[in-house]
Amino acid sequence: ICIIAIHTYPFASINPFIDYALTRVLFRICVPIFLMIT
């Protein structure tokens, strides 16, 4: 779900800074961890 959020910018209309902080910073760690678990 976090990886989908990286591609859809779900918080951009609410607050651009929050969207950037979550999708471009925090959620980026999800991709390598998802690949490691797989």
PDB file of all heavy atoms in Angstrom:
ATOM      1  N   ILE A   1       0.841  -1.204   0.000  1.00  0.00           N
ATOM      2  CA  ILE A   1       0.000   0.000   0.000  1.00  0.00           C
ATOM      3  C   ILE A   1       0.875   1.252   0.000  1.00  0.00           C
ATOM      4  O   ILE A   1       0.591   2.223  -0.712  1.00  0.00           O
ATOM      5  CB  ILE A   1      -0.962  -0.019   1.207  1.00  0.00           C
ATOM      6  CG1 ILE A   1      -1.987  -1.129   1.023  1.00  0.00           C
ATOM      7  CG2 ILE A   1      -1.667   1.325   1.370  1.00  0.00           C
ATOM      8  CD1 ILE A   1      -2.858  -1.383   2.219  1.00  0.00           C
ATOM      9  N   CYS A   2       1.959   1.233   0.753  1.00  0.00           N
ATOM     10  CA  CYS A   2       2.888   2.370   0.765  1.00  0.00           C
ATOM     11  C   CYS A   2       3.541   2.559  -0.602  1.00  0.00           C
ATOM     12  O   CYS A   2       3.741   3.690  -1.054  1.00  0.00           O
ATOM     13  CB  CYS A   2       3.954   2.182   1.837  1.00  0.00           C
ATOM     14  SG  CYS A   2       3.326   2.223   3.513  1.00  0.00           S
ATOM     15  N   ILE A   3       3.856   1.470  -1.280  1.00  0.00           N
ATOM     16  CA  ILE A   3       4.464   1.555  -2.611  1.00  0.00           C
ATOM     17  C   ILE A   3       3.464   2.138  -3.609  1.00  0.00           C
ATOM     18  O   ILE A   3       3.832   2.950  -4.454  1.00  0.00           O
ATOM     19  CB  ILE A   3       4.979   0.172  -3.059  1.00  0.00           C
ATOM     20  CG1 ILE A   3       6.166  -0.232  -2.183  1.00  0.00           C
ATOM     21  CG2 ILE A   3       5.380   0.180  -4.531  1.00  0.00           C
ATOM     22  CD1 ILE A   3       6.584  -1.678  -2.322  1.00  0.00           C
ATOM     23  N   ILE A   4       2.202   1.772  -3.488  1.00  0.00           N
ATOM     24  CA  ILE A   4       1.175   2.375  -4.341  1.00  0.00           C
ATOM     25  C   ILE A   4       1.084   3.869  -4.060  1.00  0.00           C
ATOM     26  O   ILE A   4       0.955   4.680  -4.985  1.00  0.00           O
ATOM     27  CB  ILE A   4      -0.181   1.670  -4.128  1.00  0.00           C
ATOM     28  CG1 ILE A   4      -0.121   0.250  -4.660  1.00  0.00           C
ATOM     29  CG2 ILE A   4      -1.317   2.449  -4.790  1.00  0.00           C
ATOM     30  CD1 ILE A   4      -1.295  -0.618  -4.260  1.00  0.00           C
ATOM     31  N   ALA A   5       1.177   4.247  -2.797  1.00  0.00           N
ATOM     32  CA  ALA A   5       1.121   5.662  -2.430  1.00  0.00           C
ATOM     33  C   ALA A   5       2.282   6.449  -3.034  1.00  0.00           C
ATOM     34  O   ALA A   5       2.118   7.616  -3.394  1.00  0.00           O
ATOM     35  CB  ALA A   5       1.113   5.814  -0.908  1.00  0.00           C
ATOM     36  N   ILE A   6       3.448   5.824  -3.177  1.00  0.00           N
ATOM     37  CA  ILE A   6       4.595   6.495  -3.801  1.00  0.00           C
ATOM     38  C   ILE A   6       4.235   6.940  -5.212  1.00  0.00           C
ATOM     39  O   ILE A   6       4.633   8.008  -5.658  1.00  0.00           O
ATOM     40  CB  ILE A   6       5.827   5.556  -3.826  1.00  0.00           C
ATOM     41  CG1 ILE A   6       6.373   5.362  -2.416  1.00  0.00           C
ATOM     42  CG2 ILE A   6       6.916   6.107  -4.738  1.00  0.00           C
ATOM     43  CD1 ILE A   6       7.442   4.277  -2.323  1.00  0.00           C
ATOM     44  N   HIS A   7       3.444   6.134  -5.905  1.00  0.00           N
ATOM     45  CA  HIS A   7       3.114   6.406  -7.299  1.00  0.00           C
ATOM     46  C   HIS A   7       1.856   7.241  -7.493  1.00  0.00           C
ATOM     47  O   HIS A   7       1.612   7.736  -8.587  1.00  0.00           O
ATOM     48  CB  HIS A   7       2.967   5.095  -8.063  1.00  0.00           C
ATOM     49  CG  HIS A   7       4.226   4.304  -8.094  1.00  0.00           C
ATOM     50  ND1 HIS A   7       5.301   4.656  -8.873  1.00  0.00           N
ATOM     51  CD2 HIS A   7       4.586   3.181  -7.428  1.00  0.00           C
ATOM     52  CE1 HIS A   7       6.272   3.781  -8.690  1.00  0.00           C
ATOM     53  NE2 HIS A   7       5.868   2.875  -7.812  1.00  0.00           N
ATOM     54  N   THR A   8       1.053   7.413  -6.444  1.00  0.00           N
ATOM     55  CA  THR A   8      -0.226   8.120  -6.606  1.00  0.00           C
ATOM     56  C   THR A   8      -0.309   9.449  -5.867  1.00  0.00           C
ATOM     57  O   THR A   8      -1.274  10.182  -6.071  1.00  0.00           O
ATOM     58  CB  THR A   8      -1.386   7.224  -6.136  1.00  0.00           C
ATOM     59  OG1 THR A   8      -1.187   6.875  -4.761  1.00  0.00           O
ATOM     60  CG2 THR A   8      -1.505   5.980  -6.997  1.00  0.00           C
ATOM     61  N   TYR A   9       0.641   9.768  -5.028  1.00  0.00           N
ATOM     62  CA  TYR A   9       0.668  11.036  -4.276  1.00  0.00           C
ATOM     63  C   TYR A   9      -0.666  11.302  -3.564  1.00  0.00           C
ATOM     64  O   TYR A   9      -1.335  12.286  -3.834  1.00  0.00           O
ATOM     65  CB  TYR A   9       1.017  12.211  -5.191  1.00  0.00           C
ATOM     66  CG  TYR A   9       2.235  11.977  -6.033  1.00  0.00           C
ATOM     67  CD1 TYR A   9       2.127  11.685  -7.392  1.00  0.00           C
ATOM     68  CD2 TYR A   9       3.491  12.018  -5.461  1.00  0.00           C
ATOM     69  CE1 TYR A   9       3.258  11.463  -8.164  1.00  0.00           C
ATOM     70  CE2 TYR A   9       4.627  11.796  -6.236  1.00  0.00           C
ATOM     71  CZ  TYR A   9       4.498  11.518  -7.576  1.00  0.00           C
ATOM     72  OH  TYR A   9       5.606  11.288  -8.337  1.00  0.00           O
ATOM     73  N   PRO A  10      -1.080  10.460  -2.646  1.00  0.00           N
ATOM     74  CA  PRO A  10      -2.416  10.565  -2.056  1.00  0.00           C
ATOM     75  C   PRO A  10      -2.638  11.779  -1.159  1.00  0.00           C
ATOM     76  O   PRO A  10      -3.777  12.188  -0.954  1.00  0.00           O
ATOM     77  CB  PRO A  10      -2.540   9.280  -1.250  1.00  0.00           C
ATOM     78  CG  PRO A  10      -1.140   8.930  -0.896  1.00  0.00           C
ATOM     79  CD  PRO A  10      -0.312   9.362  -2.072  1.00  0.00           C
ATOM     80  N   PHE A  11      -1.565  12.362  -0.648  1.00  0.00           N
ATOM     81  CA  PHE A  11      -1.727  13.487   0.278  1.00  0.00           C
ATOM     82  C   PHE A  11      -1.411  14.834  -0.365  1.00  0.00           C
ATOM     83  O   PHE A  11      -1.380  15.856   0.325  1.00  0.00           O
ATOM     84  CB  PHE A  11      -0.829  13.287   1.507  1.00  0.00           C
ATOM     85  CG  PHE A  11      -1.030  11.949   2.168  1.00  0.00           C
ATOM     86  CD1 PHE A  11      -0.063  10.962   2.089  1.00  0.00           C
ATOM     87  CD2 PHE A  11      -2.205  11.667   2.846  1.00  0.00           C
ATOM     88  CE1 PHE A  11      -0.244   9.726   2.677  1.00  0.00           C
ATOM     89  CE2 PHE A  11      -2.397  10.432   3.443  1.00  0.00           C
ATOM     90  CZ  PHE A  11      -1.418   9.457   3.360  1.00  0.00           C
ATOM     91  N   ALA A  12      -1.185  14.857  -1.664  1.00  0.00           N
ATOM     92  CA  ALA A  12      -0.788  16.087  -2.353  1.00  0.00           C
ATOM     93  C   ALA A  12      -1.853  17.171  -2.264  1.00  0.00           C
ATOM     94  O   ALA A  12      -1.533  18.350  -2.132  1.00  0.00           O
ATOM     95  CB  ALA A  12      -0.448  15.802  -3.805  1.00  0.00           C
ATOM     96  N   SER A  13      -3.122  16.784  -2.335  1.00  0.00           N
ATOM     97  CA  SER A  13      -4.187  17.784  -2.269  1.00  0.00           C
ATOM     98  C   SER A  13      -4.429  18.277  -0.844  1.00  0.00           C
ATOM     99  O   SER A  13      -4.955  19.366  -0.644  1.00  0.00           O
ATOM    100  CB  SER A  13      -5.482  17.228  -2.850  1.00  0.00           C
ATOM    101  OG  SER A  13      -5.905  16.108  -2.095  1.00  0.00           O
ATOM    102  N   ILE A  14      -4.013  17.497   0.135  1.00  0.00           N
ATOM    103  CA  ILE A  14      -4.208  17.887   1.534  1.00  0.00           C
ATOM    104  C   ILE A  14      -3.090  18.819   1.986  1.00  0.00           C
ATOM    105  O   ILE A  14      -3.338  19.920   2.465  1.00  0.00           O
ATOM    106  CB  ILE A  14      -4.263  16.643   2.446  1.00  0.00           C
ATOM    107  CG1 ILE A  14      -5.439  15.753   2.042  1.00  0.00           C
ATOM    108  CG2 ILE A  14      -4.360  17.037   3.911  1.00  0.00           C
ATOM    109  CD1 ILE A  14      -5.415  14.386   2.678  1.00  0.00           C
ATOM    110  N   ASN A  15      -1.852  18.330   1.835  1.00  0.00           N
ATOM    111  CA  ASN A  15      -0.692  19.124   2.227  1.00  0.00           C
ATOM    112  C   ASN A  15       0.514  18.625   1.438  1.00  0.00           C
ATOM    113  O   ASN A  15       0.968  17.493   1.652  1.00  0.00           O
ATOM    114  CB  ASN A  15      -0.451  18.974   3.738  1.00  0.00           C
ATOM    115  CG  ASN A  15       0.638  19.879   4.255  1.00  0.00           C
ATOM    116  OD1 ASN A  15       1.587  20.220   3.548  1.00  0.00           O
ATOM    117  ND2 ASN A  15       0.501  20.272   5.510  1.00  0.00           N
ATOM    118  N   PRO A  16       1.061  19.450   0.564  1.00  0.00           N
ATOM    119  CA  PRO A  16       2.197  19.013  -0.254  1.00  0.00           C
ATOM    120  C   PRO A  16       3.418  18.589   0.558  1.00  0.00           C
ATOM    121  O   PRO A  16       4.126  17.666   0.183  1.00  0.00           O
ATOM    122  CB  PRO A  16       2.506  20.229  -1.122  1.00  0.00           C
ATOM    123  CG  PRO A  16       1.255  21.020  -1.143  1.00  0.00           C
ATOM    124  CD  PRO A  16       0.583  20.770   0.170  1.00  0.00           C
ATOM    125  N   PHE A  17       3.666  19.248   1.683  1.00  0.00           N
ATOM    126  CA  PHE A  17       4.823  18.885   2.499  1.00  0.00           C
ATOM    127  C   PHE A  17       4.646  17.501   3.113  1.00  0.00           C
ATOM    128  O   PHE A  17       5.579  16.692   3.124  1.00  0.00           O
ATOM    129  CB  PHE A  17       5.072  19.918   3.606  1.00  0.00           C
ATOM    130  CG  PHE A  17       6.211  19.526   4.496  1.00  0.00           C
ATOM    131  CD1 PHE A  17       7.523  19.653   4.058  1.00  0.00           C
ATOM    132  CD2 PHE A  17       5.984  18.992   5.756  1.00  0.00           C
ATOM    133  CE1 PHE A  17       8.590  19.266   4.857  1.00  0.00           C
ATOM    134  CE2 PHE A  17       7.034  18.609   6.567  1.00  0.00           C
ATOM    135  CZ  PHE A  17       8.336  18.749   6.121  1.00  0.00           C
ATOM    136  N   ILE A  18       3.445  17.216   3.628  1.00  0.00           N
ATOM    137  CA  ILE A  18       3.184  15.906   4.212  1.00  0.00           C
ATOM    138  C   ILE A  18       3.301  14.829   3.133  1.00  0.00           C
ATOM    139  O   ILE A  18       3.877  13.757   3.366  1.00  0.00           O
ATOM    140  CB  ILE A  18       1.790  15.860   4.881  1.00  0.00           C
ATOM    141  CG1 ILE A  18       1.799  16.721   6.140  1.00  0.00           C
ATOM    142  CG2 ILE A  18       1.373  14.433   5.208  1.00  0.00           C
ATOM    143  CD1 ILE A  18       0.448  16.874   6.805  1.00  0.00           C
ATOM    144  N   ASP A  19       2.772  15.123   1.947  1.00  0.00           N
ATOM    145  CA  ASP A  19       2.881  14.169   0.851  1.00  0.00           C
ATOM    146  C   ASP A  19       4.334  13.897   0.505  1.00  0.00           C
ATOM    147  O   ASP A  19       4.731  12.756   0.328  1.00  0.00           O
ATOM    148  CB  ASP A  19       2.133  14.708  -0.378  1.00  0.00           C
ATOM    149  CG  ASP A  19       2.100  13.694  -1.485  1.00  0.00           C
ATOM    150  OD1 ASP A  19       1.435  12.655  -1.302  1.00  0.00           O
ATOM    151  OD2 ASP A  19       2.745  13.922  -2.518  1.00  0.00           O
ATOM    152  N   TYR A  20       5.133  14.947   0.424  1.00  0.00           N
ATOM    153  CA  TYR A  20       6.552  14.778   0.124  1.00  0.00           C
ATOM    154  C   TYR A  20       7.250  13.987   1.229  1.00  0.00           C
ATOM    155  O   TYR A  20       8.021  13.067   0.951  1.00  0.00           O
ATOM    156  CB  TYR A  20       7.226  16.140  -0.053  1.00  0.00           C
ATOM    157  CG  TYR A  20       8.686  16.045  -0.344  1.00  0.00           C
ATOM    158  CD1 TYR A  20       9.140  15.813  -1.634  1.00  0.00           C
ATOM    159  CD2 TYR A  20       9.636  16.162   0.666  1.00  0.00           C
ATOM    160  CE1 TYR A  20      10.483  15.703  -1.924  1.00  0.00           C
ATOM    161  CE2 TYR A  20      10.986  16.052   0.399  1.00  0.00           C
ATOM    162  CZ  TYR A  20      11.401  15.829  -0.893  1.00  0.00           C
ATOM    163  OH  TYR A  20      12.740  15.710  -1.172  1.00  0.00           O
ATOM    164  N   ALA A  21       6.981  14.339   2.473  1.00  0.00           N
ATOM    165  CA  ALA A  21       7.645  13.675   3.597  1.00  0.00           C
ATOM    166  C   ALA A  21       7.297  12.183   3.664  1.00  0.00           C
ATOM    167  O   ALA A  21       8.170  11.358   3.952  1.00  0.00           O
ATOM    168  CB  ALA A  21       7.268  14.364   4.911  1.00  0.00           C
ATOM    169  N   LEU A  22       6.054  11.861   3.378  1.00  0.00           N
ATOM    170  CA  LEU A  22       5.655  10.454   3.442  1.00  0.00           C
ATOM    171  C   LEU A  22       6.070   9.677   2.199  1.00  0.00           C
ATOM    172  O   LEU A  22       6.740   8.648   2.304  1.00  0.00           O
ATOM    173  CB  LEU A  22       4.143  10.347   3.642  1.00  0.00           C
ATOM    174  CG  LEU A  22       3.633  10.754   5.016  1.00  0.00           C
ATOM    175  CD1 LEU A  22       2.110  10.714   5.068  1.00  0.00           C
ATOM    176  CD2 LEU A  22       4.200   9.864   6.101  1.00  0.00           C
ATOM    177  N   THR A  23       5.670  10.167   1.018  1.00  0.00           N
ATOM    178  CA  THR A  23       5.890   9.374  -0.185  1.00  0.00           C
ATOM    179  C   THR A  23       7.311   9.432  -0.706  1.00  0.00           C
ATOM    180  O   THR A  23       7.801   8.459  -1.275  1.00  0.00           O
ATOM    181  CB  THR A  23       4.925   9.795  -1.312  1.00  0.00           C
ATOM    182  OG1 THR A  23       5.142  11.163  -1.634  1.00  0.00           O
ATOM    183  CG2 THR A  23       3.492   9.573  -0.903  1.00  0.00           C
ATOM    184  N   ARG A  24       7.995  10.538  -0.538  1.00  0.00           N
ATOM    185  CA  ARG A  24       9.351  10.663  -1.074  1.00  0.00           C
ATOM    186  C   ARG A  24      10.438  10.333  -0.057  1.00  0.00           C
ATOM    187  O   ARG A  24      11.587  10.109  -0.427  1.00  0.00           O
ATOM    188  CB  ARG A  24       9.595  12.087  -1.594  1.00  0.00           C
ATOM    189  CG  ARG A  24       8.709  12.491  -2.709  1.00  0.00           C
ATOM    190  CD  ARG A  24       9.110  11.780  -3.943  1.00  0.00           C
ATOM    191  NE  ARG A  24       8.284  12.209  -5.056  1.00  0.00           N
ATOM    192  CZ  ARG A  24       8.368  11.700  -6.240  1.00  0.00           C
ATOM    193  NH1 ARG A  24       9.225  10.759  -6.493  1.00  0.00           N
ATOM    194  NH2 ARG A  24       7.581  12.103  -7.197  1.00  0.00           N
ATOM    195  N   VAL A  25      10.085  10.298   1.217  1.00  0.00           N
ATOM    196  CA  VAL A  25      11.097  10.026   2.246  1.00  0.00           C
ATOM    197  C   VAL A  25      10.774   8.738   2.999  1.00  0.00           C
ATOM    198  O   VAL A  25      11.498   7.745   2.885  1.00  0.00           O
ATOM    199  CB  VAL A  25      11.215  11.220   3.224  1.00  0.00           C
ATOM    200  CG1 VAL A  25      12.246  10.931   4.301  1.00  0.00           C
ATOM    201  CG2 VAL A  25      11.558  12.507   2.480  1.00  0.00           C
ATOM    202  N   LEU A  26       9.697   8.722   3.737  1.00  0.00           N
ATOM    203  CA  LEU A  26       9.400   7.595   4.629  1.00  0.00           C
ATOM    204  C   LEU A  26       9.025   6.319   3.871  1.00  0.00           C
ATOM    205  O   LEU A  26       9.548   5.242   4.169  1.00  0.00           O
ATOM    206  CB  LEU A  26       8.270   7.984   5.585  1.00  0.00           C
ATOM    207  CG  LEU A  26       7.920   6.964   6.657  1.00  0.00           C
ATOM    208  CD1 LEU A  26       9.113   6.739   7.577  1.00  0.00           C
ATOM    209  CD2 LEU A  26       6.733   7.431   7.457  1.00  0.00           C
ATOM    210  N   PHE A  27       8.144   6.430   2.887  1.00  0.00           N
ATOM    211  CA  PHE A  27       7.671   5.233   2.184  1.00  0.00           C
ATOM    212  C   PHE A  27       8.736   4.631   1.277  1.00  0.00           C
ATOM    213  O   PHE A  27       8.596   3.495   0.847  1.00  0.00           O
ATOM    214  CB  PHE A  27       6.417   5.534   1.374  1.00  0.00           C
ATOM    215  CG  PHE A  27       5.184   5.800   2.199  1.00  0.00           C
ATOM    216  CD1 PHE A  27       4.026   6.254   1.602  1.00  0.00           C
ATOM    217  CD2 PHE A  27       5.168   5.611   3.571  1.00  0.00           C
ATOM    218  CE1 PHE A  27       2.888   6.509   2.348  1.00  0.00           C
ATOM    219  CE2 PHE A  27       4.042   5.861   4.331  1.00  0.00           C
ATOM    220  CZ  PHE A  27       2.887   6.315   3.709  1.00  0.00           C
ATOM    221  N   ARG A  28       9.792   5.355   0.980  1.00  0.00           N
ATOM    222  CA  ARG A  28      10.839   4.822   0.101  1.00  0.00           C
ATOM    223  C   ARG A  28      11.547   3.605   0.698  1.00  0.00           C
ATOM    224  O   ARG A  28      12.065   2.777  -0.024  1.00  0.00           O
ATOM    225  CB  ARG A  28      11.886   5.898  -0.228  1.00  0.00           C
ATOM    226  CG  ARG A  28      11.368   7.004  -1.078  1.00  0.00           C
ATOM    227  CD  ARG A  28      11.112   6.508  -2.470  1.00  0.00           C
ATOM    228  NE  ARG A  28      10.432   7.538  -3.243  1.00  0.00           N
ATOM    229  CZ  ARG A  28      10.218   7.465  -4.524  1.00  0.00           C
ATOM    230  NH1 ARG A  28      10.629   6.424  -5.190  1.00  0.00           N
ATOM    231  NH2 ARG A  28       9.583   8.413  -5.143  1.00  0.00           N
ATOM    232  N   ILE A  29      11.542   3.480   1.993  1.00  0.00           N
ATOM    233  CA  ILE A  29      12.168   2.338   2.638  1.00  0.00           C
ATOM    234  C   ILE A  29      11.343   1.061   2.417  1.00  0.00           C
ATOM    235  O   ILE A  29      11.860  -0.053   2.502  1.00  0.00           O
ATOM    236  CB  ILE A  29      12.397   2.598   4.148  1.00  0.00           C
ATOM    237  CG1 ILE A  29      13.305   1.544   4.765  1.00  0.00           C
ATOM    238  CG2 ILE A  29      11.087   2.640   4.895  1.00  0.00           C
ATOM    239  CD1 ILE A  29      14.709   1.593   4.281  1.00  0.00           C
ATOM    240  N   CYS A  30      10.075   1.227   2.060  1.00  0.00           N
ATOM    241  CA  CYS A  30       9.187   0.075   1.868  1.00  0.00           C
ATOM    242  C   CYS A  30       9.587  -0.781   0.670  1.00  0.00           C
ATOM    243  O   CYS A  30       9.414  -2.001   0.709  1.00  0.00           O
ATOM    244  CB  CYS A  30       7.745   0.548   1.697  1.00  0.00           C
ATOM    245  SG  CYS A  30       7.098   1.363   3.157  1.00  0.00           S
ATOM    246  N   VAL A  31      10.101  -0.163  -0.387  1.00  0.00           N
ATOM    247  CA  VAL A  31      10.453  -0.924  -1.589  1.00  0.00           C
ATOM    248  C   VAL A  31      11.547  -1.953  -1.297  1.00  0.00           C
ATOM    249  O   VAL A  31      11.356  -3.145  -1.575  1.00  0.00           O
ATOM    250  CB  VAL A  31      10.844   0.019  -2.743  1.00  0.00           C
ATOM    251  CG1 VAL A  31      11.330  -0.765  -3.943  1.00  0.00           C
ATOM    252  CG2 VAL A  31       9.677   0.911  -3.118  1.00  0.00           C
ATOM    253  N   PRO A  32      12.693  -1.572  -0.721  1.00  0.00           N
ATOM    254  CA  PRO A  32      13.708  -2.593  -0.462  1.00  0.00           C
ATOM    255  C   PRO A  32      13.270  -3.642   0.563  1.00  0.00           C
ATOM    256  O   PRO A  32      13.592  -4.824   0.413  1.00  0.00           O
ATOM    257  CB  PRO A  32      14.922  -1.818   0.039  1.00  0.00           C
ATOM    258  CG  PRO A  32      14.550  -0.404   0.117  1.00  0.00           C
ATOM    259  CD  PRO A  32      13.185  -0.237  -0.439  1.00  0.00           C
ATOM    260  N   ILE A  33      12.508  -3.240   1.560  1.00  0.00           N
ATOM    261  CA  ILE A  33      12.059  -4.206   2.558  1.00  0.00           C
ATOM    262  C   ILE A  33      11.066  -5.181   1.930  1.00  0.00           C
ATOM    263  O   ILE A  33      11.114  -6.386   2.175  1.00  0.00           O
ATOM    264  CB  ILE A  33      11.461  -3.503   3.793  1.00  0.00           C
ATOM    265  CG1 ILE A  33      12.573  -2.740   4.537  1.00  0.00           C
ATOM    266  CG2 ILE A  33      10.787  -4.502   4.719  1.00  0.00           C
ATOM    267  CD1 ILE A  33      12.088  -1.903   5.680  1.00  0.00           C
ATOM    268  N   PHE A  34      10.162  -4.668   1.076  1.00  0.00           N
ATOM    269  CA  PHE A  34       9.226  -5.535   0.362  1.00  0.00           C
ATOM    270  C   PHE A  34       9.989  -6.553  -0.478  1.00  0.00           C
ATOM    271  O   PHE A  34       9.668  -7.739  -0.484  1.00  0.00           O
ATOM    272  CB  PHE A  34       8.314  -4.678  -0.523  1.00  0.00           C
ATOM    273  CG  PHE A  34       7.295  -5.460  -1.284  1.00  0.00           C
ATOM    274  CD1 PHE A  34       6.076  -5.758  -0.715  1.00  0.00           C
ATOM    275  CD2 PHE A  34       7.554  -5.904  -2.570  1.00  0.00           C
ATOM    276  CE1 PHE A  34       5.120  -6.488  -1.415  1.00  0.00           C
ATOM    277  CE2 PHE A  34       6.617  -6.631  -3.282  1.00  0.00           C
ATOM    278  CZ  PHE A  34       5.400  -6.923  -2.699  1.00  0.00           C
ATOM    279  N   LEU A  35      11.024  -6.112  -1.179  1.00  0.00           N
ATOM    280  CA  LEU A  35      11.825  -7.018  -1.997  1.00  0.00           C
ATOM    281  C   LEU A  35      12.582  -8.037  -1.140  1.00  0.00           C
ATOM    282  O   LEU A  35      12.726  -9.199  -1.535  1.00  0.00           O
ATOM    283  CB  LEU A  35      12.789  -6.233  -2.873  1.00  0.00           C
ATOM    284  CG  LEU A  35      12.131  -5.414  -3.988  1.00  0.00           C
ATOM    285  CD1 LEU A  35      13.177  -4.559  -4.689  1.00  0.00           C
ATOM    286  CD2 LEU A  35      11.403  -6.296  -4.962  1.00  0.00           C
ATOM    287  N   MET A  36      13.063  -7.621   0.014  1.00  0.00           N
ATOM    288  CA  MET A  36      13.766  -8.556   0.896  1.00  0.00           C
ATOM    289  C   MET A  36      12.833  -9.636   1.431  1.00  0.00           C
ATOM    290  O   MET A  36      13.202 -10.813   1.483  1.00  0.00           O
ATOM    291  CB  MET A  36      14.418  -7.808   2.058  1.00  0.00           C
ATOM    292  CG  MET A  36      15.669  -7.067   1.662  1.00  0.00           C
ATOM    293  SD  MET A  36      16.561  -6.381   3.061  1.00  0.00           S
ATOM    294  CE  MET A  36      15.591  -4.957   3.453  1.00  0.00           C
ATOM    295  N   ILE A  37      11.620  -9.253   1.811  1.00  0.00           N
ATOM    296  CA  ILE A  37      10.660 -10.233   2.318  1.00  0.00           C
ATOM    297  C   ILE A  37      10.273 -11.205   1.207  1.00  0.00           C
ATOM    298  O   ILE A  37      10.211 -12.422   1.415  1.00  0.00           O
ATOM    299  CB  ILE A  37       9.415  -9.534   2.909  1.00  0.00           C
ATOM    300  CG1 ILE A  37       9.801  -8.773   4.179  1.00  0.00           C
ATOM    301  CG2 ILE A  37       8.321 -10.551   3.220  1.00  0.00           C
ATOM    302  CD1 ILE A  37       8.707  -7.892   4.728  1.00  0.00           C
ATOM    303  N   THR A  38      10.026 -10.679   0.013  1.00  0.00           N
ATOM    304  CA  THR A  38       9.707 -11.539  -1.128  1.00  0.00           C
ATOM    305  C   THR A  38      10.880 -12.469  -1.430  1.00  0.00           C
ATOM    306  O   THR A  38      10.689 -13.661  -1.690  1.00  0.00           O
ATOM    307  CB  THR A  38       9.359 -10.688  -2.357  1.00  0.00           C
ATOM    308  OG1 THR A  38       8.261  -9.833  -2.034  1.00  0.00           O
ATOM    309  CG2 THR A  38       8.988 -11.559  -3.547  1.00  0.00           C
TER     310      THR A  38
END
